[in-house]
Amino acid sequence: MESKKSLLFLFTIIAFILGMALFKQFNFQTFSFAKPALAILYSIVFVASVVFVVRGLIKK
């Protein structure tokens, strides 16, 4: 049970950090990212982390 909680916490932290990185890289004046390739990678990992966290909360 504790290992699932620690994994859930870890993926929550990862999602938070990636969300903040995506927010910082986004230019709201031009609606574009500073580094598009890195933003795509961040987005994929961010979505995977959020899905993992939501699945963990639903199963709980």
Protein backbone atom coordinates (compact mmCIF):
# COMPACT_ATOMS: atom_id res chain seq x y z
CA MET A 1 0.00 0.00 0.00
CA GLU A 2 2.80 2.42 0.87
CA SER A 3 4.61 1.74 -2.39
CA LYS A 4 1.47 2.74 -4.31
CA LYS A 5 1.20 5.92 -2.25
CA SER A 6 4.83 6.76 -2.89
CA LEU A 7 4.44 6.15 -6.63
CA LEU A 8 1.30 8.29 -6.67
CA PHE A 9 3.16 11.05 -4.84
CA LEU A 10 6.13 10.76 -7.20
CA PHE A 11 3.99 11.06 -10.32
CA THR A 12 2.10 13.97 -8.77
CA ILE A 13 5.40 15.81 -8.24
CA ILE A 14 6.50 14.97 -11.80
CA ALA A 15 3.22 16.27 -13.22
CA PHE A 16 3.50 19.48 -11.18
CA ILE A 17 7.09 20.15 -12.29
CA LEU A 18 6.31 19.46 -15.95
CA GLY A 19 3.19 21.60 -15.81
CA MET A 20 5.19 24.50 -14.44
CA ALA A 21 7.89 24.02 -17.09
CA LEU A 22 5.28 24.03 -19.85
CA PHE A 23 3.69 27.15 -18.39
CA LYS A 24 7.05 28.96 -18.24
CA GLN A 25 7.96 28.04 -21.83
CA PHE A 26 4.64 29.17 -23.29
CA ASN A 27 4.55 32.69 -24.74
CA PHE A 28 1.05 34.09 -24.27
CA GLN A 29 1.61 36.99 -26.67
CA THR A 30 2.38 34.81 -29.68
CA PHE A 31 0.70 31.61 -28.38
CA SER A 32 3.77 29.51 -29.05
CA PHE A 33 6.44 27.63 -27.14
CA ALA A 34 10.06 28.74 -26.88
CA LYS A 35 11.29 25.21 -27.63
CA PRO A 36 8.55 23.29 -29.48
CA ALA A 37 10.28 19.89 -29.53
CA LEU A 38 10.90 19.99 -25.80
CA ALA A 39 7.33 21.15 -25.20
CA ILE A 40 6.01 18.11 -27.07
CA LEU A 41 8.11 15.79 -24.92
CA TYR A 42 7.04 17.58 -21.73
CA SER A 43 3.40 17.37 -22.80
CA ILE A 44 3.55 13.62 -23.45
CA VAL A 45 5.14 12.88 -20.09
CA PHE A 46 2.80 15.34 -18.34
CA VAL A 47 -0.30 13.65 -19.76
CA ALA A 48 1.07 10.20 -18.88
CA SER A 49 1.76 11.32 -15.31
CA VAL A 50 -1.71 12.82 -14.92
CA VAL A 51 -3.33 9.65 -16.27
CA PHE A 52 -1.31 7.55 -13.83
CA VAL A 53 -2.31 9.77 -10.90
CA VAL A 54 -5.99 9.75 -11.87
CA ARG A 55 -5.98 5.96 -12.28
CA GLY A 56 -4.39 5.62 -8.86
CA LEU A 57 -7.01 7.85 -7.27
CA ILE A 58 -9.90 6.05 -8.98
CA LYS A 59 -8.68 2.60 -7.89
CA LYS A 60 -8.30 3.88 -4.34
